[in-house]
Amino acid sequence: QVQLVESGGGLVQTGGSLRLSCAATRWNGCVGWFRQAPGKEREFVSVIGYSGRTAYADSVKGRFSISRVFAKNMVYLQMNNLNPEDTAVYYCAAAATYNACTAEPKYWGQGTQVTVSS
């Protein structure tokens, strides 16, 4: 059974940084990050494949960076230059294929709250 557990969320001021972590137990396939702001649909943020291939939503390019450490079963999302529009619950997710990881993941974590104050 795949288990995904996020951590690292919190409250930060505009321009600040946070690093989110996703513990991906029994999984070394692709992992994606998604977020859902209040009153909005959940949206894709970033993905990293088994080969290290990455992708980002346009809204976070140049500010967010995804990485992973296989030995620790961890995937990280470094978020820099945060702004209030980044406020959301962030989820890590997994699927059997890279494309599915960006659109319709099968496995989801519980989410971690990120709040950016102005």
PDB file of N, CA and C in Angstrom:
ATOM      1  N   GLN A   1       0.833  -1.175   0.000  1.00  0.00           N
ATOM      2  CA  GLN A   1       0.000   0.000   0.000  1.00  0.00           C
ATOM      3  C   GLN A   1       0.887   1.251   0.000  1.00  0.00           C
ATOM      4  N   VAL A   2       0.667   2.117  -0.974  1.00  0.00           N
ATOM      5  CA  VAL A   2       1.432   3.365  -1.058  1.00  0.00           C
ATOM      6  C   VAL A   2       0.927   4.330   0.002  1.00  0.00           C
ATOM      7  N   GLN A   3       1.854   4.941   0.708  1.00  0.00           N
ATOM      8  CA  GLN A   3       1.491   5.957   1.694  1.00  0.00           C
ATOM      9  C   GLN A   3       2.271   7.227   1.409  1.00  0.00           C
ATOM     10  N   LEU A   4       1.566   8.344   1.419  1.00  0.00           N
ATOM     11  CA  LEU A   4       2.154   9.641   1.176  1.00  0.00           C
ATOM     12  C   LEU A   4       1.815  10.541   2.348  1.00  0.00           C
ATOM     13  N   VAL A   5       2.829  11.121   2.960  1.00  0.00           N
ATOM     14  CA  VAL A   5       2.609  11.984   4.118  1.00  0.00           C
ATOM     15  C   VAL A   5       3.373  13.280   3.909  1.00  0.00           C
ATOM     16  N   GLU A   6       2.636  14.388   3.887  1.00  0.00           N
ATOM     17  CA  GLU A   6       3.245  15.700   3.697  1.00  0.00           C
ATOM     18  C   GLU A   6       3.587  16.335   5.041  1.00  0.00           C
ATOM     19  N   SER A   7       4.575  17.214   5.002  1.00  0.00           N
ATOM     20  CA  SER A   7       4.926  18.025   6.163  1.00  0.00           C
ATOM     21  C   SER A   7       5.625  19.277   5.681  1.00  0.00           C
ATOM     22  N   GLY A   8       5.786  20.231   6.590  1.00  0.00           N
ATOM     23  CA  GLY A   8       6.548  21.428   6.271  1.00  0.00           C
ATOM     24  C   GLY A   8       5.728  22.670   5.999  1.00  0.00           C
ATOM     25  N   GLY A   9       4.414  22.541   6.009  1.00  0.00           N
ATOM     26  CA  GLY A   9       3.595  23.725   5.797  1.00  0.00           C
ATOM     27  C   GLY A   9       3.662  24.674   6.985  1.00  0.00           C
ATOM     28  N   GLY A  10       3.074  25.852   6.795  1.00  0.00           N
ATOM     29  CA  GLY A  10       3.062  26.817   7.885  1.00  0.00           C
ATOM     30  C   GLY A  10       2.698  28.193   7.392  1.00  0.00           C
ATOM     31  N   LEU A  11       2.953  29.167   8.247  1.00  0.00           N
ATOM     32  CA  LEU A  11       2.655  30.568   7.955  1.00  0.00           C
ATOM     33  C   LEU A  11       3.956  31.296   7.641  1.00  0.00           C
ATOM     34  N   VAL A  12       3.956  32.026   6.534  1.00  0.00           N
ATOM     35  CA  VAL A  12       5.154  32.750   6.125  1.00  0.00           C
ATOM     36  C   VAL A  12       4.734  34.083   5.523  1.00  0.00           C
ATOM     37  N   GLN A  13       5.592  35.070   5.603  1.00  0.00           N
ATOM     38  CA  GLN A  13       5.296  36.373   5.019  1.00  0.00           C
ATOM     39  C   GLN A  13       5.604  36.384   3.529  1.00  0.00           C
ATOM     40  N   THR A  14       5.000  37.314   2.837  1.00  0.00           N
ATOM     41  CA  THR A  14       5.275  37.496   1.413  1.00  0.00           C
ATOM     42  C   THR A  14       6.777  37.640   1.181  1.00  0.00           C
ATOM     43  N   GLY A  15       7.258  36.909   0.184  1.00  0.00           N
ATOM     44  CA  GLY A  15       8.682  36.924  -0.120  1.00  0.00           C
ATOM     45  C   GLY A  15       9.469  35.855   0.605  1.00  0.00           C
ATOM     46  N   GLY A  16       8.836  35.171   1.532  1.00  0.00           N
ATOM     47  CA  GLY A  16       9.515  34.137   2.301  1.00  0.00           C
ATOM     48  C   GLY A  16       9.579  32.799   1.582  1.00  0.00           C
ATOM     49  N   SER A  17      10.133  31.815   2.280  1.00  0.00           N
ATOM     50  CA  SER A  17      10.336  30.483   1.703  1.00  0.00           C
ATOM     51  C   SER A  17       9.845  29.400   2.650  1.00  0.00           C
ATOM     52  N   LEU A  18       9.466  28.291   2.059  1.00  0.00           N
ATOM     53  CA  LEU A  18       9.126  27.083   2.805  1.00  0.00           C
ATOM     54  C   LEU A  18       9.597  25.883   2.001  1.00  0.00           C
ATOM     55  N   ARG A  19       9.904  24.799   2.701  1.00  0.00           N
ATOM     56  CA  ARG A  19      10.188  23.540   2.023  1.00  0.00           C
ATOM     57  C   ARG A  19       9.202  22.496   2.492  1.00  0.00           C
ATOM     58  N   LEU A  20       8.429  21.996   1.569  1.00  0.00           N
ATOM     59  CA  LEU A  20       7.499  20.918   1.867  1.00  0.00           C
ATOM     60  C   LEU A  20       8.171  19.580   1.637  1.00  0.00           C
ATOM     61  N   SER A  21       7.805  18.615   2.455  1.00  0.00           N
ATOM     62  CA  SER A  21       8.346  17.266   2.327  1.00  0.00           C
ATOM     63  C   SER A  21       7.204  16.272   2.125  1.00  0.00           C
ATOM     64  N   CYS A  22       7.487  15.260   1.342  1.00  0.00           N
ATOM     65  CA  CYS A  22       6.527  14.180   1.122  1.00  0.00           C
ATOM     66  C   CYS A  22       7.249  12.863   1.359  1.00  0.00           C
ATOM     67  N   ALA A  23       6.824  12.158   2.388  1.00  0.00           N
ATOM     68  CA  ALA A  23       7.366  10.828   2.653  1.00  0.00           C
ATOM     69  C   ALA A  23       6.563   9.826   1.839  1.00  0.00           C
ATOM     70  N   ALA A  24       7.214   9.217   0.861  1.00  0.00           N
ATOM     71  CA  ALA A  24       6.527   8.298  -0.064  1.00  0.00           C
ATOM     72  C   ALA A  24       6.920   6.862   0.265  1.00  0.00           C
ATOM     73  N   THR A  25       6.152   6.256   1.141  1.00  0.00           N
ATOM     74  CA  THR A  25       6.448   4.892   1.571  1.00  0.00           C
ATOM     75  C   THR A  25       6.070   3.884   0.496  1.00  0.00           C
ATOM     76  N   ARG A  26       6.998   2.957   0.239  1.00  0.00           N
ATOM     77  CA  ARG A  26       6.768   1.889  -0.742  1.00  0.00           C
ATOM     78  C   ARG A  26       6.437   2.450  -2.123  1.00  0.00           C
ATOM     79  N   TRP A  27       7.155   3.495  -2.509  1.00  0.00           N
ATOM     80  CA  TRP A  27       6.915   4.106  -3.823  1.00  0.00           C
ATOM     81  C   TRP A  27       8.146   4.810  -4.328  1.00  0.00           C
ATOM     82  N   ASN A  28       8.585   4.467  -5.524  1.00  0.00           N
ATOM     83  CA  ASN A  28       9.696   5.186  -6.143  1.00  0.00           C
ATOM     84  C   ASN A  28       9.346   5.631  -7.556  1.00  0.00           C
ATOM     85  N   GLY A  29       8.054   5.691  -7.853  1.00  0.00           N
ATOM     86  CA  GLY A  29       7.613   6.200  -9.144  1.00  0.00           C
ATOM     87  C   GLY A  29       7.475   7.704  -9.109  1.00  0.00           C
ATOM     88  N   CYS A  30       6.702   8.245 -10.034  1.00  0.00           N
ATOM     89  CA  CYS A  30       6.551   9.694 -10.088  1.00  0.00           C
ATOM     90  C   CYS A  30       5.735  10.196  -8.901  1.00  0.00           C
ATOM     91  N   VAL A  31       6.045  11.403  -8.517  1.00  0.00           N
ATOM     92  CA  VAL A  31       5.327  12.068  -7.433  1.00  0.00           C
ATOM     93  C   VAL A  31       5.013  13.487  -7.873  1.00  0.00           C
ATOM     94  N   GLY A  32       3.797  13.890  -7.668  1.00  0.00           N
ATOM     95  CA  GLY A  32       3.391  15.241  -8.022  1.00  0.00           C
ATOM     96  C   GLY A  32       2.962  16.018  -6.799  1.00  0.00           C
ATOM     97  N   TRP A  33       3.030  17.340  -6.922  1.00  0.00           N
ATOM     98  CA  TRP A  33       2.479  18.238  -5.910  1.00  0.00           C
ATOM     99  C   TRP A  33       1.297  18.988  -6.523  1.00  0.00           C
ATOM    100  N   PHE A  34       0.241  19.083  -5.752  1.00  0.00           N
ATOM    101  CA  PHE A  34      -0.951  19.819  -6.139  1.00  0.00           C
ATOM    102  C   PHE A  34      -1.310  20.762  -5.000  1.00  0.00           C
ATOM    103  N   ARG A  35      -2.176  21.721  -5.281  1.00  0.00           N
ATOM    104  CA  ARG A  35      -2.637  22.604  -4.218  1.00  0.00           C
ATOM    105  C   ARG A  35      -4.084  22.986  -4.459  1.00  0.00           C
ATOM    106  N   GLN A  36      -4.764  23.306  -3.364  1.00  0.00           N
ATOM    107  CA  GLN A  36      -6.148  23.744  -3.453  1.00  0.00           C
ATOM    108  C   GLN A  36      -6.362  24.918  -2.519  1.00  0.00           C
ATOM    109  N   ALA A  37      -6.682  26.050  -3.113  1.00  0.00           N
ATOM    110  CA  ALA A  37      -6.971  27.261  -2.352  1.00  0.00           C
ATOM    111  C   ALA A  37      -8.459  27.293  -2.016  1.00  0.00           C
ATOM    112  N   PRO A  38      -8.835  28.031  -0.979  1.00  0.00           N
ATOM    113  CA  PRO A  38     -10.249  28.105  -0.596  1.00  0.00           C
ATOM    114  C   PRO A  38     -11.128  28.568  -1.753  1.00  0.00           C
ATOM    115  N   GLY A  39     -12.185  27.817  -2.029  1.00  0.00           N
ATOM    116  CA  GLY A  39     -13.116  28.191  -3.076  1.00  0.00           C
ATOM    117  C   GLY A  39     -12.642  27.909  -4.490  1.00  0.00           C
ATOM    118  N   LYS A  40     -11.486  27.258  -4.616  1.00  0.00           N
ATOM    119  CA  LYS A  40     -10.945  26.978  -5.950  1.00  0.00           C
ATOM    120  C   LYS A  40     -10.751  25.487  -6.132  1.00  0.00           C
ATOM    121  N   GLU A  41     -10.616  25.082  -7.384  1.00  0.00           N
ATOM    122  CA  GLU A  41     -10.348  23.680  -7.675  1.00  0.00           C
ATOM    123  C   GLU A  41      -8.882  23.355  -7.394  1.00  0.00           C
ATOM    124  N   ARG A  42      -8.640  22.083  -7.144  1.00  0.00           N
ATOM    125  CA  ARG A  42      -7.272  21.651  -6.935  1.00  0.00           C
ATOM    126  C   ARG A  42      -6.503  21.791  -8.246  1.00  0.00           C
ATOM    127  N   GLU A  43      -5.248  22.244  -8.163  1.00  0.00           N
ATOM    128  CA  GLU A  43      -4.458  22.475  -9.365  1.00  0.00           C
ATOM    129  C   GLU A  43      -3.079  21.849  -9.244  1.00  0.00           C
ATOM    130  N   PHE A  44      -2.546  21.484 -10.393  1.00  0.00           N
ATOM    131  CA  PHE A  44      -1.207  20.924 -10.488  1.00  0.00           C
ATOM    132  C   PHE A  44      -0.173  21.989 -10.175  1.00  0.00           C
ATOM    133  N   VAL A  45       0.875  21.591  -9.434  1.00  0.00           N
ATOM    134  CA  VAL A  45       1.971  22.500  -9.108  1.00  0.00           C
ATOM    135  C   VAL A  45       3.282  22.032  -9.741  1.00  0.00           C
ATOM    136  N   SER A  46       3.644  20.763  -9.473  1.00  0.00           N
ATOM    137  CA  SER A  46       4.925  20.268  -9.957  1.00  0.00           C
ATOM    138  C   SER A  46       4.928  18.746  -9.933  1.00  0.00           C
ATOM    139  N   VAL A  47       5.865  18.159 -10.664  1.00  0.00           N
ATOM    140  CA  VAL A  47       5.980  16.696 -10.718  1.00  0.00           C
ATOM    141  C   VAL A  47       7.440  16.322 -10.913  1.00  0.00           C
ATOM    142  N   ILE A  48       7.807  15.172 -10.378  1.00  0.00           N
ATOM    143  CA  ILE A  48       9.133  14.608 -10.625  1.00  0.00           C
ATOM    144  C   ILE A  48       8.965  13.129 -10.927  1.00  0.00           C
ATOM    145  N   GLY A  49       9.572  12.683 -12.013  1.00  0.00           N
ATOM    146  CA  GLY A  49       9.486  11.294 -12.395  1.00  0.00           C
ATOM    147  C   GLY A  49      10.615  10.471 -11.810  1.00  0.00           C
ATOM    148  N   TYR A  50      10.545   9.168 -12.056  1.00  0.00           N
ATOM    149  CA  TYR A  50      11.588   8.269 -11.549  1.00  0.00           C
ATOM    150  C   TYR A  50      12.953   8.648 -12.113  1.00  0.00           C
ATOM    151  N   SER A  51      12.960   9.110 -13.367  1.00  0.00           N
ATOM    152  CA  SER A  51      14.215   9.470 -14.029  1.00  0.00           C
ATOM    153  C   SER A  51      14.738  10.835 -13.608  1.00  0.00           C
ATOM    154  N   GLY A  52      13.920  11.564 -12.846  1.00  0.00           N
ATOM    155  CA  GLY A  52      14.309  12.915 -12.470  1.00  0.00           C
ATOM    156  C   GLY A  52      13.688  13.992 -13.332  1.00  0.00           C
ATOM    157  N   ARG A  53      12.940  13.567 -14.335  1.00  0.00           N
ATOM    158  CA  ARG A  53      12.239  14.539 -15.182  1.00  0.00           C
ATOM    159  C   ARG A  53      11.267  15.349 -14.334  1.00  0.00           C
ATOM    160  N   THR A  54      11.265  16.672 -14.539  1.00  0.00           N
ATOM    161  CA  THR A  54      10.408  17.553 -13.736  1.00  0.00           C
ATOM    162  C   THR A  54       9.550  18.449 -14.623  1.00  0.00           C
ATOM    163  N   ALA A  55       8.495  18.959 -14.038  1.00  0.00           N
ATOM    164  CA  ALA A  55       7.639  19.930 -14.704  1.00  0.00           C
ATOM    165  C   ALA A  55       7.001  20.816 -13.646  1.00  0.00           C
ATOM    166  N   TYR A  56       6.646  22.041 -14.062  1.00  0.00           N
ATOM    167  CA  TYR A  56       6.074  23.005 -13.133  1.00  0.00           C
ATOM    168  C   TYR A  56       4.908  23.736 -13.792  1.00  0.00           C
ATOM    169  N   ALA A  57       3.954  24.135 -12.971  1.00  0.00           N
ATOM    170  CA  ALA A  57       2.916  25.029 -13.435  1.00  0.00           C
ATOM    171  C   ALA A  57       3.541  26.384 -13.728  1.00  0.00           C
ATOM    172  N   ASP A  58       2.992  27.086 -14.695  1.00  0.00           N
ATOM    173  CA  ASP A  58       3.541  28.388 -15.070  1.00  0.00           C
ATOM    174  C   ASP A  58       3.576  29.346 -13.884  1.00  0.00           C
ATOM    175  N   SER A  59       2.610  29.243 -13.010  1.00  0.00           N
ATOM    176  CA  SER A  59       2.502  30.179 -11.890  1.00  0.00           C
ATOM    177  C   SER A  59       3.617  30.032 -10.864  1.00  0.00           C
ATOM    178  N   VAL A  60       4.347  28.918 -10.904  1.00  0.00           N
ATOM    179  CA  VAL A  60       5.397  28.698  -9.908  1.00  0.00           C
ATOM    180  C   VAL A  60       6.782  28.558 -10.532  1.00  0.00           C
ATOM    181  N   LYS A  61       6.875  28.548 -11.845  1.00  0.00           N
ATOM    182  CA  LYS A  61       8.177  28.406 -12.512  1.00  0.00           C
ATOM    183  C   LYS A  61       9.125  29.497 -12.048  1.00  0.00           C
ATOM    184  N   GLY A  62      10.347  29.088 -11.761  1.00  0.00           N
ATOM    185  CA  GLY A  62      11.363  30.039 -11.315  1.00  0.00           C
ATOM    186  C   GLY A  62      11.328  30.319  -9.825  1.00  0.00           C
ATOM    187  N   ARG A  63      10.268  29.886  -9.158  1.00  0.00           N
ATOM    188  CA  ARG A  63      10.153  30.114  -7.712  1.00  0.00           C
ATOM    189  C   ARG A  63      10.164  28.801  -6.918  1.00  0.00           C
ATOM    190  N   PHE A  64       9.589  27.759  -7.484  1.00  0.00           N
ATOM    191  CA  PHE A  64       9.503  26.461  -6.812  1.00  0.00           C
ATOM    192  C   PHE A  64      10.475  25.477  -7.465  1.00  0.00           C
ATOM    193  N   SER A  65      10.966  24.543  -6.645  1.00  0.00           N
ATOM    194  CA  SER A  65      11.873  23.518  -7.151  1.00  0.00           C
ATOM    195  C   SER A  65      11.543  22.184  -6.490  1.00  0.00           C
ATOM    196  N   ILE A  66      11.383  21.154  -7.315  1.00  0.00           N
ATOM    197  CA  ILE A  66      11.063  19.820  -6.795  1.00  0.00           C
ATOM    198  C   ILE A  66      12.300  18.940  -6.861  1.00  0.00           C
ATOM    199  N   SER A  67      12.460  18.088  -5.865  1.00  0.00           N
ATOM    200  CA  SER A  67      13.598  17.174  -5.833  1.00  0.00           C
ATOM    201  C   SER A  67      13.215  15.933  -5.042  1.00  0.00           C
ATOM    202  N   ARG A  68      14.073  14.919  -5.112  1.00  0.00           N
ATOM    203  CA  ARG A  68      13.781  13.702  -4.348  1.00  0.00           C
ATOM    204  C   ARG A  68      15.080  13.028  -3.925  1.00  0.00           C
ATOM    205  N   VAL A  69      14.976  12.284  -2.845  1.00  0.00           N
ATOM    206  CA  VAL A  69      16.082  11.465  -2.359  1.00  0.00           C
ATOM    207  C   VAL A  69      15.535  10.055  -2.225  1.00  0.00           C
ATOM    208  N   PHE A  70      15.908   9.187  -3.164  1.00  0.00           N
ATOM    209  CA  PHE A  70      15.361   7.834  -3.175  1.00  0.00           C
ATOM    210  C   PHE A  70      15.704   7.074  -1.902  1.00  0.00           C
ATOM    211  N   ALA A  71      16.922   7.262  -1.413  1.00  0.00           N
ATOM    212  CA  ALA A  71      17.369   6.511  -0.241  1.00  0.00           C
ATOM    213  C   ALA A  71      16.511   6.797   0.978  1.00  0.00           C
ATOM    214  N   LYS A  72      15.904   7.972   0.994  1.00  0.00           N
ATOM    215  CA  LYS A  72      15.059   8.348   2.130  1.00  0.00           C
ATOM    216  C   LYS A  72      13.575   8.277   1.793  1.00  0.00           C
ATOM    217  N   ASN A  73      13.239   7.885   0.561  1.00  0.00           N
ATOM    218  CA  ASN A  73      11.840   7.864   0.115  1.00  0.00           C
ATOM    219  C   ASN A  73      11.169   9.218   0.307  1.00  0.00           C
ATOM    220  N   MET A  74      11.909  10.281   0.020  1.00  0.00           N
ATOM    221  CA  MET A  74      11.413  11.628   0.247  1.00  0.00           C
ATOM    222  C   MET A  74      11.378  12.426  -1.050  1.00  0.00           C
ATOM    223  N   VAL A  75      10.343  13.231  -1.186  1.00  0.00           N
ATOM    224  CA  VAL A  75      10.231  14.203  -2.268  1.00  0.00           C
ATOM    225  C   VAL A  75      10.025  15.566  -1.622  1.00  0.00           C
ATOM    226  N   TYR A  76      10.732  16.560  -2.145  1.00  0.00           N
ATOM    227  CA  TYR A  76      10.694  17.895  -1.553  1.00  0.00           C
ATOM    228  C   TYR A  76      10.175  18.916  -2.567  1.00  0.00           C
ATOM    229  N   LEU A  77       9.524  19.932  -2.030  1.00  0.00           N
ATOM    230  CA  LEU A  77       9.123  21.073  -2.841  1.00  0.00           C
ATOM    231  C   LEU A  77       9.643  22.329  -2.157  1.00  0.00           C
ATOM    232  N   GLN A  78      10.705  22.888  -2.708  1.00  0.00           N
ATOM    233  CA  GLN A  78      11.266  24.142  -2.194  1.00  0.00           C
ATOM    234  C   GLN A  78      10.485  25.290  -2.816  1.00  0.00           C
ATOM    235  N   MET A  79       9.907  26.127  -1.971  1.00  0.00           N
ATOM    236  CA  MET A  79       9.075  27.236  -2.442  1.00  0.00           C
ATOM    237  C   MET A  79       9.699  28.545  -2.002  1.00  0.00           C
ATOM    238  N   ASN A  80      10.096  29.362  -2.959  1.00  0.00           N
ATOM    239  CA  ASN A  80      10.735  30.645  -2.682  1.00  0.00           C
ATOM    240  C   ASN A  80       9.873  31.793  -3.198  1.00  0.00           C
ATOM    241  N   ASN A  81      10.153  32.972  -2.674  1.00  0.00           N
ATOM    242  CA  ASN A  81       9.443  34.173  -3.108  1.00  0.00           C
ATOM    243  C   ASN A  81       7.930  33.964  -3.087  1.00  0.00           C
ATOM    244  N   LEU A  82       7.452  33.472  -1.979  1.00  0.00           N
ATOM    245  CA  LEU A  82       6.024  33.164  -1.848  1.00  0.00           C
ATOM    246  C   LEU A  82       5.187  34.439  -1.815  1.00  0.00           C
ATOM    247  N   ASN A  83       3.977  34.333  -2.312  1.00  0.00           N
ATOM    248  CA  ASN A  83       3.036  35.451  -2.272  1.00  0.00           C
ATOM    249  C   ASN A  83       1.670  34.930  -1.816  1.00  0.00           C
ATOM    250  N   PRO A  84       0.761  35.815  -1.453  1.00  0.00           N
ATOM    251  CA  PRO A  84      -0.539  35.367  -0.917  1.00  0.00           C
ATOM    252  C   PRO A  84      -1.309  34.436  -1.853  1.00  0.00           C
ATOM    253  N   GLU A  85      -1.072  34.548  -3.151  1.00  0.00           N
ATOM    254  CA  GLU A  85      -1.754  33.665  -4.102  1.00  0.00           C
ATOM    255  C   GLU A  85      -1.286  32.214  -3.992  1.00  0.00           C
ATOM    256  N   ASP A  86      -0.200  31.982  -3.279  1.00  0.00           N
ATOM    257  CA  ASP A  86       0.287  30.620  -3.054  1.00  0.00           C
ATOM    258  C   ASP A  86      -0.387  29.961  -1.850  1.00  0.00           C
ATOM    259  N   THR A  87      -1.186  30.708  -1.131  1.00  0.00           N
ATOM    260  CA  THR A  87      -1.889  30.154   0.019  1.00  0.00           C
ATOM    261  C   THR A  87      -2.841  29.047  -0.413  1.00  0.00           C
ATOM    262  N   ALA A  88      -2.673  27.868   0.181  1.00  0.00           N
ATOM    263  CA  ALA A  88      -3.474  26.709  -0.215  1.00  0.00           C
ATOM    264  C   ALA A  88      -3.095  25.521   0.663  1.00  0.00           C
ATOM    265  N   VAL A  89      -3.881  24.470   0.545  1.00  0.00           N
ATOM    266  CA  VAL A  89      -3.467  23.178   1.078  1.00  0.00           C
ATOM    267  C   VAL A  89      -2.693  22.474  -0.028  1.00  0.00           C
ATOM    268  N   TYR A  90      -1.499  22.028   0.308  1.00  0.00           N
ATOM    269  CA  TYR A  90      -0.625  21.371  -0.662  1.00  0.00           C
ATOM    270  C   TYR A  90      -0.646  19.867  -0.435  1.00  0.00           C
ATOM    271  N   TYR A  91      -0.818  19.140  -1.525  1.00  0.00           N
ATOM    272  CA  TYR A  91      -0.892  17.685  -1.481  1.00  0.00           C
ATOM    273  C   TYR A  91       0.204  17.065  -2.339  1.00  0.00           C
ATOM    274  N   CYS A  92       0.794  15.991  -1.866  1.00  0.00           N
ATOM    275  CA  CYS A  92       1.614  15.198  -2.769  1.00  0.00           C
ATOM    276  C   CYS A  92       0.779  14.017  -3.226  1.00  0.00           C
ATOM    277  N   ALA A  93       1.089  13.530  -4.415  1.00  0.00           N
ATOM    278  CA  ALA A  93       0.276  12.491  -5.037  1.00  0.00           C
ATOM    279  C   ALA A  93       1.154  11.622  -5.919  1.00  0.00           C
ATOM    280  N   ALA A  94       0.677  10.424  -6.208  1.00  0.00           N
ATOM    281  CA  ALA A  94       1.460   9.487  -7.016  1.00  0.00           C
ATOM    282  C   ALA A  94       0.558   8.733  -7.975  1.00  0.00           C
ATOM    283  N   ALA A  95       1.151   8.302  -9.068  1.00  0.00           N
ATOM    284  CA  ALA A  95       0.429   7.521 -10.071  1.00  0.00           C
ATOM    285  C   ALA A  95       1.419   6.649 -10.815  1.00  0.00           C
ATOM    286  N   ALA A  96       0.883   5.741 -11.613  1.00  0.00           N
ATOM    287  CA  ALA A  96       1.740   4.781 -12.305  1.00  0.00           C
ATOM    288  C   ALA A  96       2.512   5.408 -13.455  1.00  0.00           C
ATOM    289  N   THR A  97       1.981   6.478 -14.037  1.00  0.00           N
ATOM    290  CA  THR A  97       2.650   7.099 -15.170  1.00  0.00           C
ATOM    291  C   THR A  97       2.918   8.566 -14.893  1.00  0.00           C
ATOM    292  N   TYR A  98       3.897   9.109 -15.594  1.00  0.00           N
ATOM    293  CA  TYR A  98       4.267  10.507 -15.426  1.00  0.00           C
ATOM    294  C   TYR A  98       3.092  11.420 -15.753  1.00  0.00           C
ATOM    295  N   ASN A  99       2.401  11.137 -16.857  1.00  0.00           N
ATOM    296  CA  ASN A  99       1.280  11.992 -17.246  1.00  0.00           C
ATOM    297  C   ASN A  99       0.157  11.939 -16.216  1.00  0.00           C
ATOM    298  N   ALA A 100      -0.092  10.758 -15.698  1.00  0.00           N
ATOM    299  CA  ALA A 100      -1.132  10.633 -14.672  1.00  0.00           C
ATOM    300  C   ALA A 100      -0.746  11.410 -13.424  1.00  0.00           C
ATOM    301  N   CYS A 101       0.540  11.467 -13.126  1.00  0.00           N
ATOM    302  CA  CYS A 101       1.000  12.221 -11.967  1.00  0.00           C
ATOM    303  C   CYS A 101       0.693  13.704 -12.096  1.00  0.00           C
ATOM    304  N   THR A 102       0.564  14.198 -13.299  1.00  0.00           N
ATOM    305  CA  THR A 102       0.292  15.624 -13.502  1.00  0.00           C
ATOM    306  C   THR A 102      -1.196  15.926 -13.606  1.00  0.00           C
ATOM    307  N   ALA A 103      -2.024  14.875 -13.720  1.00  0.00           N
ATOM    308  CA  ALA A 103      -3.437  15.137 -13.977  1.00  0.00           C
ATOM    309  C   ALA A 103      -4.376  14.340 -13.067  1.00  0.00           C
ATOM    310  N   GLU A 104      -4.187  13.032 -13.001  1.00  0.00           N
ATOM    311  CA  GLU A 104      -5.130  12.185 -12.261  1.00  0.00           C
ATOM    312  C   GLU A 104      -4.381  11.168 -11.417  1.00  0.00           C
ATOM    313  N   PRO A 105      -3.700  11.642 -10.389  1.00  0.00           N
ATOM    314  CA  PRO A 105      -2.983  10.691  -9.527  1.00  0.00           C
ATOM    315  C   PRO A 105      -3.946   9.740  -8.828  1.00  0.00           C
ATOM    316  N   LYS A 106      -3.434   8.544  -8.546  1.00  0.00           N
ATOM    317  CA  LYS A 106      -4.260   7.547  -7.872  1.00  0.00           C
ATOM    318  C   LYS A 106      -4.129   7.647  -6.365  1.00  0.00           C
ATOM    319  N   TYR A 107      -2.941   8.010  -5.898  1.00  0.00           N
ATOM    320  CA  TYR A 107      -2.670   8.049  -4.465  1.00  0.00           C
ATOM    321  C   TYR A 107      -2.464   9.489  -4.012  1.00  0.00           C
ATOM    322  N   TRP A 108      -3.002   9.789  -2.847  1.00  0.00           N
ATOM    323  CA  TRP A 108      -2.936  11.157  -2.318  1.00  0.00           C
ATOM    324  C   TRP A 108      -2.530  11.154  -0.849  1.00  0.00           C
ATOM    325  N   GLY A 109      -1.802  12.193  -0.481  1.00  0.00           N
ATOM    326  CA  GLY A 109      -1.559  12.438   0.919  1.00  0.00           C
ATOM    327  C   GLY A 109      -2.696  13.240   1.523  1.00  0.00           C
ATOM    328  N   GLN A 110      -2.571  13.554   2.794  1.00  0.00           N
ATOM    329  CA  GLN A 110      -3.626  14.270   3.509  1.00  0.00           C
ATOM    330  C   GLN A 110      -3.536  15.782   3.339  1.00  0.00           C
ATOM    331  N   GLY A 111      -2.391  16.267   2.919  1.00  0.00           N
ATOM    332  CA  GLY A 111      -2.237  17.692   2.674  1.00  0.00           C
ATOM    333  C   GLY A 111      -1.584  18.428   3.831  1.00  0.00           C
ATOM    334  N   THR A 112      -0.965  19.558   3.502  1.00  0.00           N
ATOM    335  CA  THR A 112      -0.366  20.430   4.506  1.00  0.00           C
ATOM    336  C   THR A 112      -0.690  21.878   4.126  1.00  0.00           C
ATOM    337  N   GLN A 113      -1.064  22.658   5.119  1.00  0.00           N
ATOM    338  CA  GLN A 113      -1.511  24.023   4.870  1.00  0.00           C
ATOM    339  C   GLN A 113      -0.330  24.972   4.728  1.00  0.00           C
ATOM    340  N   VAL A 114      -0.373  25.774   3.685  1.00  0.00           N
ATOM    341  CA  VAL A 114       0.592  26.852   3.489  1.00  0.00           C
ATOM    342  C   VAL A 114      -0.186  28.167   3.454  1.00  0.00           C
ATOM    343  N   THR A 115       0.191  29.086   4.323  1.00  0.00           N
ATOM    344  CA  THR A 115      -0.456  30.388   4.372  1.00  0.00           C
ATOM    345  C   THR A 115       0.596  31.472   4.222  1.00  0.00           C
ATOM    346  N   VAL A 116       0.394  32.338   3.248  1.00  0.00           N
ATOM    347  CA  VAL A 116       1.323  33.426   2.995  1.00  0.00           C
ATOM    348  C   VAL A 116       0.624  34.743   3.323  1.00  0.00           C
ATOM    349  N   SER A 117       1.163  35.466   4.269  1.00  0.00           N
ATOM    350  CA  SER A 117       0.551  36.725   4.683  1.00  0.00           C
ATOM    351  C   SER A 117       1.147  37.891   3.904  1.00  0.00           C
ATOM    352  N   SER A 118       0.324  38.896   3.690  1.00  0.00           N
ATOM    353  CA  SER A 118       0.779  40.064   2.926  1.00  0.00           C
ATOM    354  C   SER A 118       1.394  41.106   3.834  1.00  0.00           C
TER     355      SER A 118
END
